[in-house]
Amino acid sequence: MPIRAVAFDIGGVLERVQPYEAFTKRWQRKLGLTEADLDAALGPVYRTDVIGTGVLSEPEIRQAYTAALGLTSAQADEFMADLWDWYCGELDHEMTSYARSLRPRYRTGVLSNSMHGARRVEEERFGFSEMFDVIVYSHETGIVKPDPRAYLVLLAQLAVPPDQVIFIDDKQANVDAAGRLGMHGLLHTNTADSIAAIEALLAP
């Protein structure tokens, strides 16, 4: 069957994001903590089953980090601003321009593991709602990749069967999960290769 939709992960695909350690090391230095102490403090908060499923609201995330690190109010503001700067990284203009170019020939979508505030912040910075037909955030559905239910939400909103959808992600487990549902999963390593791989699947 011909491809009718293309869906993308956000962090690491549509956005160029530094490793999590690049963010934590800055705060390790700021607070004078050892790496082990900082990891122990942040670990219970920055967990996929806590943040990714929307268990904590944005104010609760801020409060959890404040309590875990003993931050002042000013430090908490700085921490959250720094967290969002890391989380969003830099827009991959080549990839997002390509995604824009697919419409209206194809339905386009996003499936992202996320936390409360992601839709607001990424919309303010990048305007994803103008680029894609469907945007599915894990903190809104309560389901994180590679749980197959996350892909089923995406497919339902795209209204396209799995064998007619390409899905691009930078994590192999997420690509494999898409493939098991019958989607055309592509592992993203760099923009040029991903675009070429998509184009190969779109070719008649």
Protein backbone atom coordinates (compact mmCIF):
# COMPACT_ATOMS: atom_id res chain seq x y z
CA MET A 1 0.00 0.00 0.00
CA PRO A 2 1.25 3.53 -0.72
CA ILE A 3 2.44 5.69 2.16
CA ARG A 4 -0.15 8.21 3.31
CA ALA A 5 1.45 9.63 6.47
CA VAL A 6 4.85 10.43 7.99
CA ALA A 7 5.35 10.87 11.75
CA PHE A 8 8.34 12.15 13.69
CA ASP A 9 9.78 12.05 17.18
CA ILE A 10 10.69 15.50 18.54
CA GLY A 11 13.81 15.44 20.74
CA GLY A 12 16.75 14.15 18.75
CA VAL A 13 14.86 14.30 15.44
CA LEU A 14 13.02 17.61 14.99
CA GLU A 15 15.16 19.19 17.68
CA ARG A 16 18.92 18.84 18.16
CA VAL A 17 19.30 18.16 21.86
CA GLN A 18 22.46 17.75 23.92
CA PRO A 19 22.82 14.72 26.21
CA TYR A 20 21.01 15.02 29.55
CA GLU A 21 24.41 15.07 31.25
CA ALA A 22 25.25 18.38 29.57
CA PHE A 23 22.37 19.92 31.52
CA THR A 24 23.02 18.13 34.82
CA LYS A 25 26.74 18.87 34.87
CA ARG A 26 26.04 22.62 34.79
CA TRP A 27 23.89 22.26 37.88
CA GLN A 28 26.39 19.98 39.53
CA ARG A 29 28.92 22.81 39.29
CA LYS A 30 26.42 25.51 40.29
CA LEU A 31 25.35 23.67 43.43
CA GLY A 32 28.73 22.18 44.32
CA LEU A 33 27.41 18.61 44.31
CA THR A 34 29.10 15.41 43.29
CA GLU A 35 27.74 13.65 40.22
CA ALA A 36 26.44 10.84 42.42
CA ASP A 37 24.64 13.23 44.76
CA LEU A 38 23.01 15.13 41.90
CA ASP A 39 21.93 11.92 40.16
CA ALA A 40 20.45 10.64 43.41
CA ALA A 41 18.49 13.88 43.87
CA LEU A 42 17.23 14.18 40.29
CA GLY A 43 16.64 10.49 39.59
CA PRO A 44 13.29 10.11 41.37
CA VAL A 45 11.92 13.19 39.58
CA TYR A 46 13.16 12.81 36.01
CA ARG A 47 11.68 9.35 35.44
CA THR A 48 9.66 8.47 32.38
CA ASP A 49 6.91 6.91 34.49
CA VAL A 50 6.64 10.10 36.56
CA ILE A 51 7.26 12.99 34.17
CA GLY A 52 6.49 11.25 30.89
CA THR A 53 3.06 10.03 31.90
CA GLY A 54 1.90 13.41 33.17
CA VAL A 55 1.71 12.34 36.82
CA LEU A 56 3.29 15.66 37.81
CA SER A 57 1.93 19.00 36.60
CA GLU A 58 4.36 21.72 35.58
CA PRO A 59 4.18 23.48 39.00
CA GLU A 60 4.64 20.10 40.70
CA ILE A 61 7.71 19.37 38.58
CA ARG A 62 9.20 22.70 39.66
CA GLN A 63 8.39 21.97 43.30
CA ALA A 64 9.85 18.47 43.09
CA TYR A 65 13.15 19.78 41.75
CA THR A 66 13.16 22.61 44.30
CA ALA A 67 12.73 20.15 47.16
CA ALA A 68 15.17 17.58 45.77
CA LEU A 69 17.97 20.13 45.31
CA GLY A 70 17.12 22.58 48.09
CA LEU A 71 16.76 25.45 45.64
CA THR A 72 15.74 28.99 46.46
CA SER A 73 12.84 30.45 44.49
CA ALA A 74 15.26 32.35 42.23
CA GLN A 75 17.35 29.21 41.71
CA ALA A 76 14.22 27.22 40.88
CA ASP A 77 13.27 29.78 38.22
CA GLU A 78 16.77 29.54 36.76
CA PHE A 79 16.74 25.74 36.93
CA MET A 80 13.43 25.46 35.06
CA ALA A 81 14.51 27.97 32.41
CA ASP A 82 17.73 26.02 31.93
CA LEU A 83 15.81 22.74 31.86
CA TRP A 84 13.55 23.99 29.06
CA ASP A 85 16.52 25.33 27.09
CA TRP A 86 18.12 21.88 27.26
CA TYR A 87 14.83 20.04 26.65
CA CYS A 88 14.01 21.98 23.48
CA GLY A 89 17.57 22.26 22.18
CA GLU A 90 17.77 23.80 18.72
CA LEU A 91 15.28 23.34 15.92
CA ASP A 92 16.56 21.19 13.06
CA HIS A 93 15.54 23.57 10.31
CA GLU A 94 16.36 21.15 7.49
CA MET A 95 14.22 18.39 8.98
CA THR A 96 11.30 20.62 9.88
CA SER A 97 11.37 22.29 6.47
CA TYR A 98 11.24 18.85 4.90
CA ALA A 99 8.34 17.86 7.17
CA ARG A 100 6.47 21.00 6.09
CA SER A 101 7.05 20.12 2.44
CA LEU A 102 5.26 16.79 2.82
CA ARG A 103 1.90 18.46 3.34
CA PRO A 104 -0.71 18.30 1.91
CA ARG A 105 0.36 15.23 -0.11
CA TYR A 106 0.79 13.29 3.13
CA ARG A 107 -0.62 13.47 6.62
CA THR A 108 2.11 14.40 9.10
CA GLY A 109 2.34 13.82 12.82
CA VAL A 110 4.45 13.88 15.95
CA LEU A 111 4.72 11.23 18.66
CA SER A 112 6.87 12.40 21.56
CA ASN A 113 7.68 11.32 25.09
CA SER A 114 7.27 14.56 26.98
CA MET A 115 6.45 16.35 30.22
CA HIS A 116 3.85 18.91 31.25
CA GLY A 117 4.62 22.26 29.64
CA ALA A 118 6.17 20.74 26.50
CA ARG A 119 3.29 21.65 24.20
CA ARG A 120 3.25 25.24 25.44
CA VAL A 121 7.03 25.79 25.34
CA GLU A 122 7.66 24.06 22.02
CA GLU A 123 4.72 25.86 20.45
CA GLU A 124 6.07 29.21 21.66
CA ARG A 125 9.55 28.46 20.34
CA PHE A 126 8.90 26.48 17.19
CA GLY A 127 5.21 26.59 16.26
CA PHE A 128 4.83 22.85 15.70
CA SER A 129 1.05 23.11 15.34
CA GLU A 130 1.57 24.92 12.03
CA MET A 131 3.85 22.14 10.74
CA PHE A 132 1.93 18.97 11.61
CA ASP A 133 -1.60 17.63 11.35
CA VAL A 134 -1.35 15.63 14.59
CA ILE A 135 0.77 16.09 17.73
CA VAL A 136 0.67 13.38 20.41
CA TYR A 137 2.49 14.08 23.69
CA SER A 138 2.96 11.31 26.26
CA HIS A 139 2.21 13.57 29.23
CA GLU A 140 -1.25 14.19 27.73
CA THR A 141 -2.07 10.56 26.93
CA GLY A 142 -0.31 9.01 29.93
CA ILE A 143 1.43 6.54 27.59
CA VAL A 144 5.13 6.59 26.75
CA LYS A 145 6.98 4.99 23.86
CA PRO A 146 7.74 2.18 23.26
CA ASP A 147 4.36 1.14 24.70
CA PRO A 148 2.37 0.07 21.60
CA ARG A 149 -0.65 1.99 22.86
CA ALA A 150 1.21 5.25 22.20
CA TYR A 151 1.43 4.41 18.49
CA LEU A 152 -2.21 3.40 18.40
CA VAL A 153 -3.18 6.87 19.64
CA LEU A 154 -1.09 8.38 16.86
CA LEU A 155 -2.60 6.11 14.22
CA ALA A 156 -6.13 6.84 15.38
CA GLN A 157 -5.54 10.58 15.14
CA LEU A 158 -3.86 10.29 11.75
CA ALA A 159 -6.73 8.04 10.60
CA VAL A 160 -4.26 6.02 8.52
CA PRO A 161 -3.51 2.26 8.84
CA PRO A 162 -0.04 1.35 10.16
CA ASP A 163 1.30 -0.08 6.91
CA GLN A 164 0.77 3.33 5.31
CA VAL A 165 2.72 5.28 7.96
CA ILE A 166 6.45 6.04 8.23
CA PHE A 167 7.72 6.71 11.77
CA ILE A 168 11.14 8.28 12.50
CA ASP A 169 12.76 8.12 15.96
CA ASP A 170 16.32 8.31 17.29
CA LYS A 171 15.86 5.37 19.70
CA GLN A 172 15.93 1.84 18.34
CA ALA A 173 13.41 0.52 20.87
CA ASN A 174 10.85 3.08 19.69
CA VAL A 175 11.48 2.26 16.03
CA ASP A 176 11.17 -1.47 16.75
CA ALA A 177 7.86 -0.95 18.55
CA ALA A 178 6.48 0.90 15.54
CA GLY A 179 7.64 -1.89 13.25
CA ARG A 180 5.90 -4.53 15.33
CA LEU A 181 2.63 -2.73 14.69
CA GLY A 182 3.26 -2.76 10.95
CA MET A 183 4.53 0.80 10.58
CA HIS A 184 7.61 1.62 8.52
CA GLY A 185 10.08 2.45 11.31
CA LEU A 186 13.25 4.43 10.54
CA LEU A 187 16.11 4.99 12.98
CA HIS A 188 17.28 8.60 12.83
CA THR A 189 21.04 9.10 12.92
CA ASN A 190 21.36 12.26 10.85
CA THR A 191 19.00 14.49 8.91
CA ALA A 192 20.29 13.85 5.40
CA ASP A 193 20.11 10.07 5.74
CA SER A 194 16.65 10.17 7.33
CA ILE A 195 15.24 12.35 4.57
CA ALA A 196 16.78 10.04 1.95
CA ALA A 197 15.27 7.00 3.70
CA ILE A 198 11.84 8.63 3.83
CA GLU A 199 12.05 9.59 0.17
CA ALA A 200 12.98 6.00 -0.75
CA LEU A 201 9.83 4.73 0.97
CA LEU A 202 7.70 7.42 -0.66
CA ALA A 203 8.98 6.65 -4.13
CA PRO A 204 6.35 4.98 -6.36
